[in-house]
Amino acid sequence: MRPAGNVNENQRASLLAYFDGAALNYPQAVEPAFAPLAEALVRYAALQPGEQVIDLGTGSGLAARLAAGEGRFVVALDLSHKMLLAARQQKTPRLIRGDLHRVGLRTDVFDVALAAFAFNSTDPTLSLREACRILRPGGRLVLHEWGVIDPLSELVSDTIAGYAVEEAPPELATLREAMDQPLPWDDIEDEDDLLEALQEAGFARIEIESLTIPVRLPDVGTFIRYKLAWPSRRAELAAMPDEVRRLCLHDLEENLAARAENDGGLLWQPVVVRARACKPARG
């Protein structure tokens, strides 16, 4: 694995603005697609009654809410204030604003740290070590990250790219530049790299696997709303002339409809890398 560099302040500001921009419609547009993935993560965590759990990078609090119950104390942490407002509107309890590089909580507190696609915007040399620090000895980190791009997601990206303007207005140009900047997590290219990063962060008893999680969506529109919830795609569409935008959205709907099932539903099959790792017990 190549050495990872820190997320610099410009990148941090860009990421914060990006997730702030996604927060407004996140519960309505993103949660319907993410819910089965969050449910799979929480099942994989095998949470026990009474455990203390933190959901890192909670977004609108989906995994945190699923983890609640059976006497568990669940904390939901996110860097984005607007995401935390969305989580509060969804009645997510115990919200904390914090950076995964510097969580700001005491050492040896939690039995479980959940992370649903939370680390890919971080420097793993810092964020994974912080996750280990806040766990109690014997505590476990359970994470999901994206694997190789799935065909439906690739179709959406390719369709929008085919209509994207060449001469971007200033706001879109800035966003494109920010999206093209490499992040330290990009150095984790495969399961061996992730294993090494977790070991270097202090974890042991590490299990890693890639799997496809089937997500059945009621219709094509649900998938389109999820994919267009992100500021980069909204900006690409906004920069297109009206007629071009209409053609793009029509093609997007037609291309996805060709993949739909007989009842109009859509089977999305994202590839997920999941891992479970334990903080070594003392002694």
Protein backbone atom coordinates (compact mmCIF):
# COMPACT_ATOMS: atom_id res chain seq x y z
CA MET A 1 0.00 0.00 0.00
CA ARG A 2 1.35 3.43 -0.88
CA PRO A 3 1.69 5.83 2.04
CA ALA A 4 -1.37 8.04 2.50
CA GLY A 5 -1.14 11.77 2.95
CA ASN A 6 -3.39 13.91 5.08
CA VAL A 7 -6.62 15.39 3.81
CA ASN A 8 -5.61 19.03 3.49
CA GLU A 9 -7.71 21.96 4.66
CA ASN A 10 -8.93 22.83 1.15
CA GLN A 11 -10.09 19.26 0.63
CA ARG A 12 -11.73 19.23 4.04
CA ALA A 13 -13.63 22.42 3.22
CA SER A 14 -14.69 21.04 -0.16
CA LEU A 15 -15.89 17.78 1.37
CA LEU A 16 -17.81 19.61 4.07
CA ALA A 17 -19.51 21.81 1.46
CA TYR A 18 -20.27 18.74 -0.65
CA PHE A 19 -22.01 16.85 2.15
CA ASP A 20 -23.75 19.99 3.36
CA GLY A 21 -25.11 20.28 -0.18
CA ALA A 22 -26.34 16.68 -0.16
CA ALA A 23 -28.08 17.00 3.21
CA LEU A 24 -31.27 18.76 2.14
CA ASN A 25 -32.81 15.84 0.25
CA TYR A 26 -30.75 13.05 1.81
CA PRO A 27 -33.52 11.37 3.84
CA GLN A 28 -35.99 11.44 0.94
CA ALA A 29 -33.60 10.72 -1.96
CA VAL A 30 -30.71 8.70 -0.53
CA GLU A 31 -32.16 6.71 2.37
CA PRO A 32 -34.53 4.61 0.19
CA ALA A 33 -31.49 3.29 -1.72
CA PHE A 34 -29.17 3.09 1.29
CA ALA A 35 -31.59 1.45 3.73
CA PRO A 36 -30.89 -2.17 2.67
CA LEU A 37 -27.14 -1.48 2.83
CA ALA A 38 -27.41 -0.01 6.34
CA GLU A 39 -29.55 -2.96 7.43
CA ALA A 40 -26.92 -5.37 6.09
CA LEU A 41 -24.18 -3.51 7.99
CA VAL A 42 -26.08 -3.59 11.28
CA ARG A 43 -26.88 -7.31 10.85
CA TYR A 44 -23.22 -8.00 10.15
CA ALA A 45 -22.24 -6.13 13.32
CA ALA A 46 -24.22 -8.65 15.41
CA LEU A 47 -24.95 -6.02 18.05
CA GLN A 48 -25.62 -7.27 21.56
CA PRO A 49 -28.12 -5.87 24.09
CA GLY A 50 -26.71 -3.05 26.20
CA GLU A 51 -23.70 -2.31 24.00
CA GLN A 52 -22.41 1.23 23.51
CA VAL A 53 -22.31 2.00 19.79
CA ILE A 54 -21.06 4.92 17.71
CA ASP A 55 -22.08 5.45 14.09
CA LEU A 56 -19.18 7.24 12.38
CA GLY A 57 -20.09 9.50 9.49
CA THR A 58 -23.75 8.98 10.30
CA GLY A 59 -25.19 11.17 7.52
CA SER A 60 -28.92 11.36 8.20
CA GLY A 61 -28.55 8.78 10.98
CA LEU A 62 -29.88 5.71 9.20
CA ALA A 63 -27.49 3.11 10.66
CA ALA A 64 -27.66 4.74 14.11
CA ARG A 65 -31.43 4.41 14.19
CA LEU A 66 -31.26 0.80 13.05
CA ALA A 67 -28.72 0.07 15.80
CA ALA A 68 -30.91 1.49 18.57
CA GLY A 69 -32.98 -0.70 20.87
CA GLU A 70 -32.35 -3.54 23.35
CA GLY A 71 -30.86 -1.11 25.84
CA ARG A 72 -28.04 0.01 23.53
CA PHE A 73 -26.54 3.49 23.93
CA VAL A 74 -26.04 4.80 20.37
CA VAL A 75 -24.13 7.96 19.41
CA ALA A 76 -24.26 9.37 15.86
CA LEU A 77 -21.29 11.45 14.69
CA ASP A 78 -20.85 13.50 11.52
CA LEU A 79 -18.73 16.42 10.33
CA SER A 80 -21.59 18.13 8.48
CA HIS A 81 -23.86 20.31 10.59
CA LYS A 82 -26.54 20.14 7.90
CA MET A 83 -26.39 16.34 7.86
CA LEU A 84 -26.88 16.36 11.62
CA LEU A 85 -29.91 18.60 11.18
CA ALA A 86 -31.30 16.05 8.72
CA ALA A 87 -30.55 13.30 11.23
CA ARG A 88 -32.35 15.24 13.97
CA GLN A 89 -35.39 15.62 11.72
CA GLN A 90 -35.35 11.83 11.34
CA LYS A 91 -35.35 11.57 15.15
CA THR A 92 -31.83 10.17 15.41
CA PRO A 93 -30.75 10.35 19.08
CA ARG A 94 -27.45 11.59 20.57
CA LEU A 95 -25.97 13.57 17.68
CA ILE A 96 -22.38 14.82 17.87
CA ARG A 97 -20.48 16.93 15.38
CA GLY A 98 -16.97 15.60 14.91
CA ASP A 99 -14.16 14.93 12.46
CA LEU A 100 -13.19 11.29 11.93
CA HIS A 101 -9.54 12.37 12.05
CA ARG A 102 -10.05 13.93 15.51
CA VAL A 103 -13.20 12.48 17.02
CA GLY A 104 -12.86 14.41 20.27
CA LEU A 105 -14.28 11.66 22.51
CA ARG A 106 -12.61 9.76 25.32
CA THR A 107 -10.47 6.68 24.76
CA ASP A 108 -11.88 3.18 25.41
CA VAL A 109 -15.57 4.15 25.37
CA PHE A 110 -17.50 2.13 22.77
CA ASP A 111 -18.14 -1.56 22.25
CA VAL A 112 -18.86 -1.10 18.53
CA ALA A 113 -18.04 1.52 15.89
CA LEU A 114 -20.19 1.37 12.75
CA ALA A 115 -19.05 3.07 9.54
CA ALA A 116 -21.32 2.96 6.48
CA PHE A 117 -19.23 4.36 3.61
CA ALA A 118 -17.71 6.84 6.04
CA PHE A 119 -13.95 6.39 5.62
CA ASN A 120 -13.56 6.95 1.87
CA SER A 121 -13.30 10.72 2.37
CA THR A 122 -10.64 10.43 5.07
CA ASP A 123 -6.97 9.75 5.63
CA PRO A 124 -7.03 6.16 6.94
CA THR A 125 -3.75 6.59 8.79
CA LEU A 126 -5.66 8.97 11.08
CA SER A 127 -9.32 7.96 10.90
CA LEU A 128 -8.85 4.23 11.44
CA ARG A 129 -6.51 4.91 14.35
CA GLU A 130 -9.12 7.22 15.90
CA ALA A 131 -11.77 4.52 15.50
CA CYS A 132 -9.50 2.08 17.30
CA ARG A 133 -8.73 4.58 20.06
CA ILE A 134 -12.34 5.21 21.05
CA LEU A 135 -13.18 1.49 21.19
CA ARG A 136 -12.86 -0.45 24.40
CA PRO A 137 -10.33 -3.29 24.44
CA GLY A 138 -12.10 -6.14 22.67
CA GLY A 139 -14.43 -3.69 20.91
CA ARG A 140 -15.04 -4.00 17.18
CA LEU A 141 -15.12 -1.79 14.12
CA VAL A 142 -17.64 -2.82 11.46
CA LEU A 143 -17.47 -0.99 8.15
CA HIS A 144 -18.82 -0.91 4.63
CA GLU A 145 -16.99 0.72 1.73
CA TRP A 146 -17.68 0.73 -1.99
CA GLY A 147 -16.15 -1.96 -4.17
CA VAL A 148 -15.94 -1.87 -7.97
CA ILE A 149 -18.60 0.24 -9.64
CA ASP A 150 -21.80 -1.63 -10.48
CA PRO A 151 -23.39 -1.55 -13.96
CA LEU A 152 -26.36 0.68 -13.04
CA SER A 153 -24.17 3.28 -11.36
CA GLU A 154 -21.79 3.22 -14.32
CA LEU A 155 -24.74 3.69 -16.68
CA VAL A 156 -25.84 6.81 -14.77
CA SER A 157 -22.33 8.27 -14.77
CA ASP A 158 -21.80 7.56 -18.47
CA THR A 159 -25.18 8.99 -19.49
CA ILE A 160 -24.64 12.27 -17.64
CA ALA A 161 -21.04 12.51 -18.88
CA GLY A 162 -22.29 12.17 -22.45
CA TYR A 163 -24.30 15.39 -22.11
CA ALA A 164 -21.97 17.36 -19.82
CA VAL A 165 -20.89 20.80 -20.97
CA GLU A 166 -17.27 21.25 -22.01
CA GLU A 167 -17.00 24.89 -20.94
CA ALA A 168 -18.07 24.70 -17.31
CA PRO A 169 -19.30 27.79 -15.46
CA PRO A 170 -17.08 28.80 -12.50
CA GLU A 171 -19.05 26.95 -9.81
CA LEU A 172 -19.08 23.70 -11.77
CA ALA A 173 -15.42 24.09 -12.76
CA THR A 174 -14.48 24.45 -9.09
CA LEU A 175 -16.55 21.41 -8.18
CA ARG A 176 -15.05 19.32 -10.98
CA GLU A 177 -11.56 20.27 -9.84
CA ALA A 178 -12.37 19.32 -6.26
CA MET A 179 -13.88 15.99 -7.32
CA ASP A 180 -10.77 15.18 -9.36
CA GLN A 181 -8.41 15.68 -6.43
CA PRO A 182 -7.11 12.36 -5.06
CA LEU A 183 -7.85 11.53 -1.44
CA PRO A 184 -5.67 9.41 0.85
CA TRP A 185 -8.29 6.64 0.97
CA ASP A 186 -7.77 6.21 -2.79
CA ASP A 187 -4.50 4.45 -1.93
CA ILE A 188 -6.53 1.55 -0.53
CA GLU A 189 -7.05 -0.28 -3.79
CA ASP A 190 -7.88 -3.80 -2.65
CA GLU A 191 -8.59 -6.00 0.36
CA ASP A 192 -4.89 -6.46 1.11
CA ASP A 193 -4.44 -2.70 1.35
CA LEU A 194 -7.41 -2.45 3.71
CA LEU A 195 -6.05 -5.29 5.84
CA GLU A 196 -2.69 -3.50 6.11
CA ALA A 197 -4.36 -0.19 7.01
CA LEU A 198 -6.44 -1.81 9.74
CA GLN A 199 -3.41 -3.61 11.15
CA GLU A 200 -1.38 -0.40 11.18
CA ALA A 201 -4.22 1.32 13.03
CA GLY A 202 -3.94 -1.25 15.81
CA PHE A 203 -6.71 -3.72 14.92
CA ALA A 204 -6.55 -7.50 15.10
CA ARG A 205 -8.85 -10.43 14.25
CA ILE A 206 -9.69 -8.79 10.94
CA GLU A 207 -12.24 -10.21 8.50
CA ILE A 208 -12.66 -8.63 5.05
CA GLU A 209 -14.78 -9.65 2.09
CA SER A 210 -16.33 -8.20 -1.03
CA LEU A 211 -19.94 -9.01 -1.76
CA THR A 212 -22.87 -7.86 -3.85
CA ILE A 213 -25.87 -6.67 -1.87
CA PRO A 214 -29.13 -6.76 -3.87
CA VAL A 215 -31.26 -3.64 -3.39
CA ARG A 216 -34.76 -3.83 -4.84
CA LEU A 217 -36.12 -0.38 -5.63
CA PRO A 218 -39.80 0.20 -6.44
CA ASP A 219 -39.11 2.06 -9.68
CA VAL A 220 -36.52 3.73 -11.85
CA GLY A 221 -37.36 7.15 -10.41
CA THR A 222 -36.21 6.11 -6.94
CA PHE A 223 -32.77 5.24 -8.29
CA ILE A 224 -32.55 8.45 -10.32
CA ARG A 225 -33.45 10.59 -7.28
CA TYR A 226 -30.71 8.85 -5.30
CA LYS A 227 -28.10 9.37 -7.98
CA LEU A 228 -29.08 13.02 -8.52
CA ALA A 229 -29.05 13.84 -4.82
CA TRP A 230 -25.30 14.53 -4.93
CA PRO A 231 -24.16 18.12 -5.59
CA SER A 232 -21.76 17.16 -8.40
CA ARG A 233 -24.51 15.63 -10.52
CA ARG A 234 -26.96 18.43 -9.76
CA ALA A 235 -24.33 20.95 -10.86
CA GLU A 236 -23.65 19.05 -14.09
CA LEU A 237 -27.36 19.06 -14.94
CA ALA A 238 -27.81 22.72 -13.97
CA ALA A 239 -25.02 23.75 -16.36
CA MET A 240 -26.70 22.12 -19.37
CA PRO A 241 -28.97 24.13 -21.66
CA ASP A 242 -32.62 23.34 -20.96
CA GLU A 243 -33.15 21.18 -24.04
CA VAL A 244 -29.92 19.24 -23.44
CA ARG A 245 -30.92 18.66 -19.81
CA ARG A 246 -34.30 17.30 -20.89
CA LEU A 247 -32.63 14.95 -23.38
CA CYS A 248 -30.16 13.78 -20.73
CA LEU A 249 -32.87 13.00 -18.20
CA HIS A 250 -34.99 11.30 -20.87
CA ASP A 251 -32.07 9.11 -21.92
CA LEU A 252 -31.27 8.35 -18.30
CA GLU A 253 -34.81 7.21 -17.64
CA GLU A 254 -34.97 5.20 -20.87
CA ASN A 255 -31.62 3.50 -20.26
CA LEU A 256 -32.60 2.48 -16.74
CA ALA A 257 -36.11 1.44 -17.79
CA ALA A 258 -34.50 -1.05 -20.17
CA ARG A 259 -32.95 -2.71 -17.09
CA ALA A 260 -36.16 -2.69 -15.03
CA GLU A 261 -38.11 -5.79 -14.09
CA ASN A 262 -41.58 -6.63 -15.41
CA ASP A 263 -43.31 -4.88 -12.50
CA GLY A 264 -41.30 -1.70 -13.07
CA GLY A 265 -38.99 -2.29 -10.13
CA LEU A 266 -35.23 -1.99 -10.43
CA LEU A 267 -32.64 -4.34 -8.98
CA TRP A 268 -29.52 -2.40 -7.98
CA GLN A 269 -26.57 -4.63 -7.07
CA PRO A 270 -23.76 -2.52 -5.58
CA VAL A 271 -20.49 -4.21 -4.71
CA VAL A 272 -19.54 -3.58 -1.09
CA VAL A 273 -16.32 -4.27 0.79
CA ARG A 274 -17.14 -5.07 4.39
CA ALA A 275 -14.78 -5.57 7.28
CA ARG A 276 -14.93 -6.45 10.95
CA ALA A 277 -11.90 -5.80 13.14
CA CYS A 278 -11.28 -5.90 16.88
CA LYS A 279 -9.24 -3.74 19.20
CA PRO A 280 -6.94 -6.13 21.06
CA ALA A 281 -7.80 -6.84 24.67
CA ARG A 282 -5.24 -5.71 27.19
CA GLY A 283 -2.99 -8.30 28.72
